[in-house]
Full PDB file with SEQRES, HELIX, SHEET, SSBOND, CRYST1, ORIGX, SCALE, CONECT and MASTER records, all heavy atoms in Angstrom:
SEQRES   1 A   35  VAL SER VAL PRO VAL TRP PHE ASN TRP ASP GLY THR ALA          
SEQRES   2 A   35  ILE ARG ILE PHE THR GLY VAL LYS SER ALA LYS VAL LYS          
SEQRES   3 A   35  ARG ILE TRP ARG ASP ALA ARG VAL THR                          
HELIX    1 AA1 ALA A   23  ARG A   30  1                                   8    
SHEET    1 AA1 2 ASN A   8  TRP A   9  0                                        
SHEET    2 AA1 2 ILE A  14  ARG A  15 -1                                        
CRYST1    1.000    1.000    1.000  90.00  90.00  90.00 P 1           1          
ORIGX1      1.000000  0.000000  0.000000        0.00000                         
ORIGX2      0.000000  1.000000  0.000000        0.00000                         
ORIGX3      0.000000  0.000000  1.000000        0.00000                         
SCALE1      1.000000  0.000000  0.000000        0.00000                         
SCALE2      0.000000  1.000000  0.000000        0.00000                         
SCALE3      0.000000  0.000000  1.000000        0.00000                         
ATOM      1  N   VAL A   1     115.124 100.978 122.946  1.00  0.00           N  
ATOM      2  CA  VAL A   1     114.799  99.849 123.858  1.00  0.00           C  
ATOM      3  C   VAL A   1     114.199  98.771 122.993  1.00  0.00           C  
ATOM      4  O   VAL A   1     113.193  98.999 122.285  1.00  0.00           O  
ATOM      5  CB  VAL A   1     113.783 100.290 124.934  1.00  0.00           C  
ATOM      6  CG1 VAL A   1     113.416  99.140 125.802  1.00  0.00           C  
ATOM      7  CG2 VAL A   1     114.309 101.446 125.765  1.00  0.00           C  
ATOM      8  N   SER A   2     114.764  97.582 123.029  1.00  0.00           N  
ATOM      9  CA  SER A   2     114.310  96.468 122.193  1.00  0.00           C  
ATOM     10  C   SER A   2     113.792  95.330 123.059  1.00  0.00           C  
ATOM     11  O   SER A   2     114.413  94.979 124.066  1.00  0.00           O  
ATOM     12  CB  SER A   2     115.440  95.942 121.294  1.00  0.00           C  
ATOM     13  OG  SER A   2     115.908  96.985 120.467  1.00  0.00           O  
ATOM     14  N   VAL A   3     112.619  94.785 122.686  1.00  0.00           N  
ATOM     15  CA  VAL A   3     112.021  93.684 123.419  1.00  0.00           C  
ATOM     16  C   VAL A   3     111.430  92.676 122.422  1.00  0.00           C  
ATOM     17  O   VAL A   3     110.970  93.030 121.345  1.00  0.00           O  
ATOM     18  CB  VAL A   3     110.897  94.174 124.342  1.00  0.00           C  
ATOM     19  CG1 VAL A   3     111.454  95.071 125.467  1.00  0.00           C  
ATOM     20  CG2 VAL A   3     109.793  94.897 123.609  1.00  0.00           C  
ATOM     21  N   PRO A   4     111.506  91.364 122.778  1.00  0.00           N  
ATOM     22  CA  PRO A   4     110.887  90.353 121.911  1.00  0.00           C  
ATOM     23  C   PRO A   4     109.373  90.389 122.058  1.00  0.00           C  
ATOM     24  O   PRO A   4     108.831  90.625 123.142  1.00  0.00           O  
ATOM     25  CB  PRO A   4     111.491  89.039 122.459  1.00  0.00           C  
ATOM     26  CG  PRO A   4     111.829  89.331 123.862  1.00  0.00           C  
ATOM     27  CD  PRO A   4     112.160  90.784 123.940  1.00  0.00           C  
ATOM     28  N   VAL A   5     108.663  90.176 120.938  1.00  0.00           N  
ATOM     29  CA  VAL A   5     107.207  90.190 120.929  1.00  0.00           C  
ATOM     30  C   VAL A   5     106.671  89.153 119.976  1.00  0.00           C  
ATOM     31  O   VAL A   5     107.325  88.747 119.019  1.00  0.00           O  
ATOM     32  CB  VAL A   5     106.664  91.609 120.500  1.00  0.00           C  
ATOM     33  CG1 VAL A   5     107.017  92.675 121.524  1.00  0.00           C  
ATOM     34  CG2 VAL A   5     107.123  91.995 119.109  1.00  0.00           C  
ATOM     35  N   TRP A   6     105.428  88.757 120.266  1.00  0.00           N  
ATOM     36  CA  TRP A   6     104.639  87.993 119.296  1.00  0.00           C  
ATOM     37  C   TRP A   6     104.062  89.024 118.330  1.00  0.00           C  
ATOM     38  O   TRP A   6     103.734  90.132 118.736  1.00  0.00           O  
ATOM     39  CB  TRP A   6     103.491  87.282 119.957  1.00  0.00           C  
ATOM     40  CG  TRP A   6     103.861  86.203 120.962  1.00  0.00           C  
ATOM     41  CD1 TRP A   6     105.048  85.635 121.210  1.00  0.00           C  
ATOM     42  CD2 TRP A   6     102.918  85.580 121.831  1.00  0.00           C  
ATOM     43  NE1 TRP A   6     104.927  84.701 122.174  1.00  0.00           N  
ATOM     44  CE2 TRP A   6     103.612  84.631 122.582  1.00  0.00           C  
ATOM     45  CE3 TRP A   6     101.545  85.720 122.045  1.00  0.00           C  
ATOM     46  CZ2 TRP A   6     103.012  83.844 123.534  1.00  0.00           C  
ATOM     47  CZ3 TRP A   6     100.941  84.913 123.004  1.00  0.00           C  
ATOM     48  CH2 TRP A   6     101.649  83.972 123.720  1.00  0.00           C  
ATOM     49  N   PHE A   7     103.884  88.649 117.058  1.00  0.00           N  
ATOM     50  CA  PHE A   7     103.328  89.623 116.122  1.00  0.00           C  
ATOM     51  C   PHE A   7     102.533  88.887 115.046  1.00  0.00           C  
ATOM     52  O   PHE A   7     102.682  87.694 114.823  1.00  0.00           O  
ATOM     53  CB  PHE A   7     104.480  90.431 115.471  1.00  0.00           C  
ATOM     54  CG  PHE A   7     105.311  89.604 114.515  1.00  0.00           C  
ATOM     55  CD1 PHE A   7     105.032  89.595 113.148  1.00  0.00           C  
ATOM     56  CD2 PHE A   7     106.388  88.843 114.987  1.00  0.00           C  
ATOM     57  CE1 PHE A   7     105.799  88.841 112.289  1.00  0.00           C  
ATOM     58  CE2 PHE A   7     107.146  88.075 114.128  1.00  0.00           C  
ATOM     59  CZ  PHE A   7     106.857  88.087 112.783  1.00  0.00           C  
ATOM     60  N   ASN A   8     101.691  89.678 114.373  1.00  0.00           N  
ATOM     61  CA  ASN A   8     100.960  89.195 113.218  1.00  0.00           C  
ATOM     62  C   ASN A   8     101.260  90.161 112.066  1.00  0.00           C  
ATOM     63  O   ASN A   8     101.209  91.398 112.259  1.00  0.00           O  
ATOM     64  CB  ASN A   8      99.459  89.203 113.518  1.00  0.00           C  
ATOM     65  CG  ASN A   8      98.638  88.701 112.332  1.00  0.00           C  
ATOM     66  OD1 ASN A   8      98.714  87.546 111.979  1.00  0.00           O  
ATOM     67  ND2 ASN A   8      97.934  89.610 111.689  1.00  0.00           N  
ATOM     68  N   TRP A   9     101.590  89.622 110.911  1.00  0.00           N  
ATOM     69  CA  TRP A   9     101.806  90.387 109.698  1.00  0.00           C  
ATOM     70  C   TRP A   9     100.773  89.929 108.676  1.00  0.00           C  
ATOM     71  O   TRP A   9     100.724  88.746 108.354  1.00  0.00           O  
ATOM     72  CB  TRP A   9     103.213  90.206 109.166  1.00  0.00           C  
ATOM     73  CG  TRP A   9     103.477  90.687 107.772  1.00  0.00           C  
ATOM     74  CD1 TRP A   9     103.759  89.915 106.682  1.00  0.00           C  
ATOM     75  CD2 TRP A   9     103.499  92.046 107.322  1.00  0.00           C  
ATOM     76  NE1 TRP A   9     103.967  90.698 105.580  1.00  0.00           N  
ATOM     77  CE2 TRP A   9     103.808  92.025 105.923  1.00  0.00           C  
ATOM     78  CE3 TRP A   9     103.261  93.260 107.926  1.00  0.00           C  
ATOM     79  CZ2 TRP A   9     103.919  93.178 105.156  1.00  0.00           C  
ATOM     80  CZ3 TRP A   9     103.365  94.423 107.155  1.00  0.00           C  
ATOM     81  CH2 TRP A   9     103.678  94.369 105.785  1.00  0.00           C  
ATOM     82  N   ASP A  10      99.959  90.829 108.173  1.00  0.00           N  
ATOM     83  CA  ASP A  10      98.915  90.443 107.218  1.00  0.00           C  
ATOM     84  C   ASP A  10      99.214  90.920 105.800  1.00  0.00           C  
ATOM     85  O   ASP A  10      98.366  90.878 104.943  1.00  0.00           O  
ATOM     86  CB  ASP A  10      97.548  90.992 107.661  1.00  0.00           C  
ATOM     87  CG  ASP A  10      97.458  92.496 107.682  1.00  0.00           C  
ATOM     88  OD1 ASP A  10      98.397  93.170 107.205  1.00  0.00           O  
ATOM     89  OD2 ASP A  10      96.433  93.029 108.155  1.00  0.00           O  
ATOM     90  N   GLY A  11     100.435  91.336 105.573  1.00  0.00           N  
ATOM     91  CA  GLY A  11     100.827  91.825 104.257  1.00  0.00           C  
ATOM     92  C   GLY A  11     100.737  93.344 104.155  1.00  0.00           C  
ATOM     93  O   GLY A  11     101.260  93.931 103.222  1.00  0.00           O  
ATOM     94  N   THR A  12     100.070  93.968 105.134  1.00  0.00           N  
ATOM     95  CA  THR A  12      99.918  95.407 105.148  1.00  0.00           C  
ATOM     96  C   THR A  12     100.385  96.037 106.448  1.00  0.00           C  
ATOM     97  O   THR A  12     101.012  97.056 106.468  1.00  0.00           O  
ATOM     98  CB  THR A  12      98.421  95.773 104.937  1.00  0.00           C  
ATOM     99  OG1 THR A  12      97.999  95.215 103.693  1.00  0.00           O  
ATOM    100  CG2 THR A  12      98.217  97.284 104.914  1.00  0.00           C  
ATOM    101  N   ALA A  13     100.034  95.354 107.552  1.00  0.00           N  
ATOM    102  CA  ALA A  13     100.332  95.914 108.893  1.00  0.00           C  
ATOM    103  C   ALA A  13     100.849  94.828 109.832  1.00  0.00           C  
ATOM    104  O   ALA A  13     100.482  93.659 109.709  1.00  0.00           O  
ATOM    105  CB  ALA A  13      99.087  96.544 109.503  1.00  0.00           C  
ATOM    106  N   ILE A  14     101.694  95.268 110.739  1.00  0.00           N  
ATOM    107  CA  ILE A  14     102.150  94.452 111.862  1.00  0.00           C  
ATOM    108  C   ILE A  14     101.209  94.785 113.026  1.00  0.00           C  
ATOM    109  O   ILE A  14     100.922  95.938 113.279  1.00  0.00           O  
ATOM    110  CB  ILE A  14     103.599  94.826 112.299  1.00  0.00           C  
ATOM    111  CG1 ILE A  14     104.589  94.410 111.205  1.00  0.00           C  
ATOM    112  CG2 ILE A  14     103.949  94.246 113.652  1.00  0.00           C  
ATOM    113  CD1 ILE A  14     104.920  92.959 111.150  1.00  0.00           C  
ATOM    114  N   ARG A  15     100.786  93.740 113.743  1.00  0.00           N  
ATOM    115  CA  ARG A  15      99.966  93.978 114.942  1.00  0.00           C  
ATOM    116  C   ARG A  15     100.540  93.128 116.091  1.00  0.00           C  
ATOM    117  O   ARG A  15     100.881  91.966 115.910  1.00  0.00           O  
ATOM    118  CB  ARG A  15      98.508  93.633 114.678  1.00  0.00           C  
ATOM    119  CG  ARG A  15      97.871  94.633 113.747  1.00  0.00           C  
ATOM    120  CD  ARG A  15      96.376  94.380 113.483  1.00  0.00           C  
ATOM    121  NE  ARG A  15      95.904  95.341 112.515  1.00  0.00           N  
ATOM    122  CZ  ARG A  15      96.026  95.204 111.172  1.00  0.00           C  
ATOM    123  NH1 ARG A  15      96.590  94.117 110.680  1.00  0.00           N  
ATOM    124  NH2 ARG A  15      95.556  96.131 110.380  1.00  0.00           N  
ATOM    125  N   ILE A  16     100.597  93.777 117.261  1.00  0.00           N  
ATOM    126  CA  ILE A  16     101.135  93.194 118.480  1.00  0.00           C  
ATOM    127  C   ILE A  16     100.143  93.518 119.592  1.00  0.00           C  
ATOM    128  O   ILE A  16      99.714  94.656 119.713  1.00  0.00           O  
ATOM    129  CB  ILE A  16     102.509  93.839 118.831  1.00  0.00           C  
ATOM    130  CG1 ILE A  16     103.498  93.654 117.665  1.00  0.00           C  
ATOM    131  CG2 ILE A  16     103.062  93.359 120.148  1.00  0.00           C  
ATOM    132  CD1 ILE A  16     104.666  94.641 117.688  1.00  0.00           C  
ATOM    133  N   PHE A  17      99.782  92.533 120.413  1.00  0.00           N  
ATOM    134  CA  PHE A  17      98.924  92.859 121.539  1.00  0.00           C  
ATOM    135  C   PHE A  17      99.836  93.054 122.769  1.00  0.00           C  
ATOM    136  O   PHE A  17     100.887  92.449 122.884  1.00  0.00           O  
ATOM    137  CB  PHE A  17      97.861  91.768 121.812  1.00  0.00           C  
ATOM    138  CG  PHE A  17      98.348  90.614 122.621  1.00  0.00           C  
ATOM    139  CD1 PHE A  17      98.253  90.604 124.003  1.00  0.00           C  
ATOM    140  CD2 PHE A  17      98.915  89.542 121.984  1.00  0.00           C  
ATOM    141  CE1 PHE A  17      98.748  89.530 124.728  1.00  0.00           C  
ATOM    142  CE2 PHE A  17      99.407  88.448 122.693  1.00  0.00           C  
ATOM    143  CZ  PHE A  17      99.306  88.476 124.080  1.00  0.00           C  
ATOM    144  N   THR A  18      99.381  93.892 123.661  1.00  0.00           N  
ATOM    145  CA  THR A  18     100.122  94.166 124.896  1.00  0.00           C  
ATOM    146  C   THR A  18      99.208  94.785 125.916  1.00  0.00           C  
ATOM    147  O   THR A  18      98.061  95.104 125.630  1.00  0.00           O  
ATOM    148  CB  THR A  18     101.357  95.083 124.600  1.00  0.00           C  
ATOM    149  OG1 THR A  18     102.197  95.085 125.748  1.00  0.00           O  
ATOM    150  CG2 THR A  18     100.936  96.459 124.229  1.00  0.00           C  
ATOM    151  N   GLY A  19      99.745  95.015 127.094  1.00  0.00           N  
ATOM    152  CA  GLY A  19      98.998  95.707 128.118  1.00  0.00           C  
ATOM    153  C   GLY A  19      98.987  97.213 127.896  1.00  0.00           C  
ATOM    154  O   GLY A  19     100.037  97.773 127.464  1.00  0.00           O  
ATOM    155  N   VAL A  20      97.897  97.860 128.187  1.00  0.00           N  
ATOM    156  CA  VAL A  20      97.778  99.312 127.932  1.00  0.00           C  
ATOM    157  C   VAL A  20      98.763 100.092 128.815  1.00  0.00           C  
ATOM    158  O   VAL A  20      99.156 101.209 128.463  1.00  0.00           O  
ATOM    159  CB  VAL A  20      96.362  99.832 128.168  1.00  0.00           C  
ATOM    160  CG1 VAL A  20      95.399  99.258 127.162  1.00  0.00           C  
ATOM    161  CG2 VAL A  20      95.883  99.592 129.558  1.00  0.00           C  
ATOM    162  N   LYS A  21      99.201  99.503 129.919  1.00  0.00           N  
ATOM    163  CA  LYS A  21     100.136 100.215 130.814  1.00  0.00           C  
ATOM    164  C   LYS A  21     101.593  99.765 130.617  1.00  0.00           C  
ATOM    165  O   LYS A  21     102.444 100.108 131.414  1.00  0.00           O  
ATOM    166  CB  LYS A  21      99.713  99.950 132.272  1.00  0.00           C  
ATOM    167  CG  LYS A  21      98.350 100.529 132.614  1.00  0.00           C  
ATOM    168  CD  LYS A  21      97.938 100.215 134.010  1.00  0.00           C  
ATOM    169  CE  LYS A  21      96.526 100.713 134.279  1.00  0.00           C  
ATOM    170  NZ  LYS A  21      96.011 100.299 135.580  1.00  0.00           N  
ATOM    171  N   SER A  22     101.835  99.021 129.557  1.00  0.00           N  
ATOM    172  CA  SER A  22     103.223  98.526 129.350  1.00  0.00           C  
ATOM    173  C   SER A  22     104.166  99.683 129.011  1.00  0.00           C  
ATOM    174  O   SER A  22     103.742 100.723 128.490  1.00  0.00           O  
ATOM    175  CB  SER A  22     103.248  97.493 128.237  1.00  0.00           C  
ATOM    176  OG  SER A  22     103.042  98.105 126.979  1.00  0.00           O  
ATOM    177  N   ALA A  23     105.428  99.481 129.321  1.00  0.00           N  
ATOM    178  CA  ALA A  23     106.433 100.491 129.063  1.00  0.00           C  
ATOM    179  C   ALA A  23     106.532 100.803 127.565  1.00  0.00           C  
ATOM    180  O   ALA A  23     106.741 101.962 127.163  1.00  0.00           O  
ATOM    181  CB  ALA A  23     107.772 100.073 129.621  1.00  0.00           C  
ATOM    182  N   LYS A  24     106.392  99.781 126.711  1.00  0.00           N  
ATOM    183  CA  LYS A  24     106.515 100.020 125.276  1.00  0.00           C  
ATOM    184  C   LYS A  24     105.385 100.923 124.781  1.00  0.00           C  
ATOM    185  O   LYS A  24     105.580 101.760 123.935  1.00  0.00           O  
ATOM    186  CB  LYS A  24     106.627  98.706 124.489  1.00  0.00           C  
ATOM    187  CG  LYS A  24     105.526  97.738 124.585  1.00  0.00           C  
ATOM    188  CD  LYS A  24     105.899  96.455 123.830  1.00  0.00           C  
ATOM    189  CE  LYS A  24     105.105  95.265 124.295  1.00  0.00           C  
ATOM    190  NZ  LYS A  24     105.470  94.760 125.599  1.00  0.00           N  
ATOM    191  N   VAL A  25     104.183 100.766 125.338  1.00  0.00           N  
ATOM    192  CA  VAL A  25     103.063 101.652 124.943  1.00  0.00           C  
ATOM    193  C   VAL A  25     103.356 103.070 125.382  1.00  0.00           C  
ATOM    194  O   VAL A  25     103.142 104.022 124.615  1.00  0.00           O  
ATOM    195  CB  VAL A  25     101.744 101.132 125.545  1.00  0.00           C  
ATOM    196  CG1 VAL A  25     100.623 102.174 125.411  1.00  0.00           C  
ATOM    197  CG2 VAL A  25     101.326  99.827 124.845  1.00  0.00           C  
ATOM    198  N   LYS A  26     103.876 103.249 126.584  1.00  0.00           N  
ATOM    199  CA  LYS A  26     104.222 104.598 127.041  1.00  0.00           C  
ATOM    200  C   LYS A  26     105.252 105.238 126.155  1.00  0.00           C  
ATOM    201  O   LYS A  26     105.172 106.430 125.828  1.00  0.00           O  
ATOM    202  CB  LYS A  26     104.710 104.531 128.488  1.00  0.00           C  
ATOM    203  CG  LYS A  26     103.632 104.203 129.489  1.00  0.00           C  
ATOM    204  CD  LYS A  26     104.184 104.017 130.873  1.00  0.00           C  
ATOM    205  CE  LYS A  26     103.086 103.502 131.799  1.00  0.00           C  
ATOM    206  NZ  LYS A  26     103.591 103.187 133.133  1.00  0.00           N  
ATOM    207  N   ARG A  27     106.253 104.423 125.736  1.00  0.00           N  
ATOM    208  CA  ARG A  27     107.268 104.994 124.844  1.00  0.00           C  
ATOM    209  C   ARG A  27     106.682 105.357 123.498  1.00  0.00           C  
ATOM    210  O   ARG A  27     107.033 106.389 122.888  1.00  0.00           O  
ATOM    211  CB  ARG A  27     108.411 103.998 124.682  1.00  0.00           C  
ATOM    212  CG  ARG A  27     109.289 103.855 125.943  1.00  0.00           C  
ATOM    213  CD  ARG A  27     110.544 103.043 125.711  1.00  0.00           C  
ATOM    214  NE  ARG A  27     110.280 101.656 125.346  1.00  0.00           N  
ATOM    215  CZ  ARG A  27     110.146 100.651 126.221  1.00  0.00           C  
ATOM    216  NH1 ARG A  27     110.257 100.863 127.545  1.00  0.00           N  
ATOM    217  NH2 ARG A  27     109.923  99.439 125.793  1.00  0.00           N  
ATOM    218  N   ILE A  28     105.775 104.549 122.947  1.00  0.00           N  
ATOM    219  CA  ILE A  28     105.160 104.838 121.662  1.00  0.00           C  
ATOM    220  C   ILE A  28     104.283 106.084 121.736  1.00  0.00           C  
ATOM    221  O   ILE A  28     104.247 106.900 120.803  1.00  0.00           O  
ATOM    222  CB  ILE A  28     104.354 103.608 121.147  1.00  0.00           C  
ATOM    223  CG1 ILE A  28     105.333 102.479 120.740  1.00  0.00           C  
ATOM    224  CG2 ILE A  28     103.439 104.001 119.957  1.00  0.00           C  
ATOM    225  CD1 ILE A  28     104.694 101.159 120.498  1.00  0.00           C  
ATOM    226  N   TRP A  29     103.562 106.263 122.844  1.00  0.00           N  
ATOM    227  CA  TRP A  29     102.779 107.509 123.002  1.00  0.00           C  
ATOM    228  C   TRP A  29     103.693 108.729 122.929  1.00  0.00           C  
ATOM    229  O   TRP A  29     103.347 109.779 122.366  1.00  0.00           O  
ATOM    230  CB  TRP A  29     101.988 107.527 124.299  1.00  0.00           C  
ATOM    231  CG  TRP A  29     100.744 106.711 124.285  1.00  0.00           C  
ATOM    232  CD1 TRP A  29     100.412 105.675 125.095  1.00  0.00           C  
ATOM    233  CD2 TRP A  29      99.587 106.877 123.401  1.00  0.00           C  
ATOM    234  NE1 TRP A  29      99.170 105.174 124.783  1.00  0.00           N  
ATOM    235  CE2 TRP A  29      98.623 105.889 123.748  1.00  0.00           C  
ATOM    236  CE3 TRP A  29      99.298 107.736 122.391  1.00  0.00           C  
ATOM    237  CZ2 TRP A  29      97.410 105.790 123.120  1.00  0.00           C  
ATOM    238  CZ3 TRP A  29      98.070 107.626 121.731  1.00  0.00           C  
ATOM    239  CH2 TRP A  29      97.155 106.661 122.106  1.00  0.00           C  
ATOM    240  N   ARG A  30     104.889 108.607 123.489  1.00  0.00           N  
ATOM    241  CA  ARG A  30     105.838 109.718 123.509  1.00  0.00           C  
ATOM    242  C   ARG A  30     106.502 109.923 122.156  1.00  0.00           C  
ATOM    243  O   ARG A  30     106.738 111.060 121.708  1.00  0.00           O  
ATOM    244  CB  ARG A  30     106.871 109.467 124.609  1.00  0.00           C  
ATOM    245  CG  ARG A  30     107.800 110.624 124.882  1.00  0.00           C  
ATOM    246  CD  ARG A  30     108.718 110.435 126.069  1.00  0.00           C  
ATOM    247  NE  ARG A  30     109.318 109.118 126.135  1.00  0.00           N  
ATOM    248  CZ  ARG A  30     109.082 108.209 127.089  1.00  0.00           C  
ATOM    249  NH1 ARG A  30     108.233 108.459 128.072  1.00  0.00           N  
ATOM    250  NH2 ARG A  30     109.659 107.035 127.068  1.00  0.00           N  
ATOM    251  N   ASP A  31     106.855 108.801 121.486  1.00  0.00           N  
ATOM    252  CA  ASP A  31     107.539 108.888 120.186  1.00  0.00           C  
ATOM    253  C   ASP A  31     107.127 107.642 119.407  1.00  0.00           C  
ATOM    254  O   ASP A  31     107.513 106.533 119.785  1.00  0.00           O  
ATOM    255  CB  ASP A  31     109.049 108.925 120.396  1.00  0.00           C  
ATOM    256  CG  ASP A  31     109.826 109.154 119.106  1.00  0.00           C  
ATOM    257  OD1 ASP A  31     109.320 108.826 118.003  1.00  0.00           O  
ATOM    258  OD2 ASP A  31     110.956 109.677 119.207  1.00  0.00           O  
ATOM    259  N   ALA A  32     106.343 107.808 118.382  1.00  0.00           N  
ATOM    260  CA  ALA A  32     105.738 106.686 117.655  1.00  0.00           C  
ATOM    261  C   ALA A  32     106.678 105.955 116.720  1.00  0.00           C  
ATOM    262  O   ALA A  32     106.320 104.921 116.155  1.00  0.00           O  
ATOM    263  CB  ALA A  32     104.535 107.206 116.865  1.00  0.00           C  
ATOM    264  N   ARG A  33     107.905 106.439 116.554  1.00  0.00           N  
ATOM    265  CA  ARG A  33     108.849 105.777 115.634  1.00  0.00           C  
ATOM    266  C   ARG A  33     109.277 104.430 116.220  1.00  0.00           C  
ATOM    267  O   ARG A  33     109.757 104.374 117.364  1.00  0.00           O  
ATOM    268  CB  ARG A  33     110.071 106.637 115.371  1.00  0.00           C  
ATOM    269  CG  ARG A  33     109.736 107.909 114.610  1.00  0.00           C  
ATOM    270  CD  ARG A  33     110.926 108.810 114.467  1.00  0.00           C  
ATOM    271  NE  ARG A  33     111.364 109.282 115.798  1.00  0.00           N  
ATOM    272  CZ  ARG A  33     112.519 109.792 116.072  1.00  0.00           C  
ATOM    273  NH1 ARG A  33     113.446 109.915 115.132  1.00  0.00           N  
ATOM    274  NH2 ARG A  33     112.814 110.211 117.297  1.00  0.00           N  
ATOM    275  N   VAL A  34     109.128 103.378 115.436  1.00  0.00           N  
ATOM    276  CA  VAL A  34     109.482 102.016 115.871  1.00  0.00           C  
ATOM    277  C   VAL A  34     110.098 101.232 114.704  1.00  0.00           C  
ATOM    278  O   VAL A  34     109.978 101.601 113.544  1.00  0.00           O  
ATOM    279  CB  VAL A  34     108.268 101.218 116.402  1.00  0.00           C  
ATOM    280  CG1 VAL A  34     107.588 101.969 117.547  1.00  0.00           C  
ATOM    281  CG2 VAL A  34     107.256 100.927 115.318  1.00  0.00           C  
ATOM    282  N   THR A  35     110.748 100.142 115.077  1.00  0.00           N  
ATOM    283  CA  THR A  35     111.197  99.132 114.143  1.00  0.00           C  
ATOM    284  C   THR A  35     110.855  97.765 114.727  1.00  0.00           C  
ATOM    285  O   THR A  35     110.980  97.542 115.935  1.00  0.00           O  
ATOM    286  CB  THR A  35     112.726  99.208 113.937  1.00  0.00           C  
ATOM    287  OG1 THR A  35     113.045 100.412 113.268  1.00  0.00           O  
ATOM    288  CG2 THR A  35     113.247  98.043 113.109  1.00  0.00           C  
TER     289      THR A  35                                                      
MASTER        0    0    0    1    2    0    0    6  288    1    0    3          
END                                                                             
């Protein structure tokens, strides 16, 4: 499942803010592999 997001890259980590109840968070809790 692919969705557009705002992101921050600091040279070490990508960070994205979202709602704790979002579908993408639920999917990450189930399987943390992402691109």
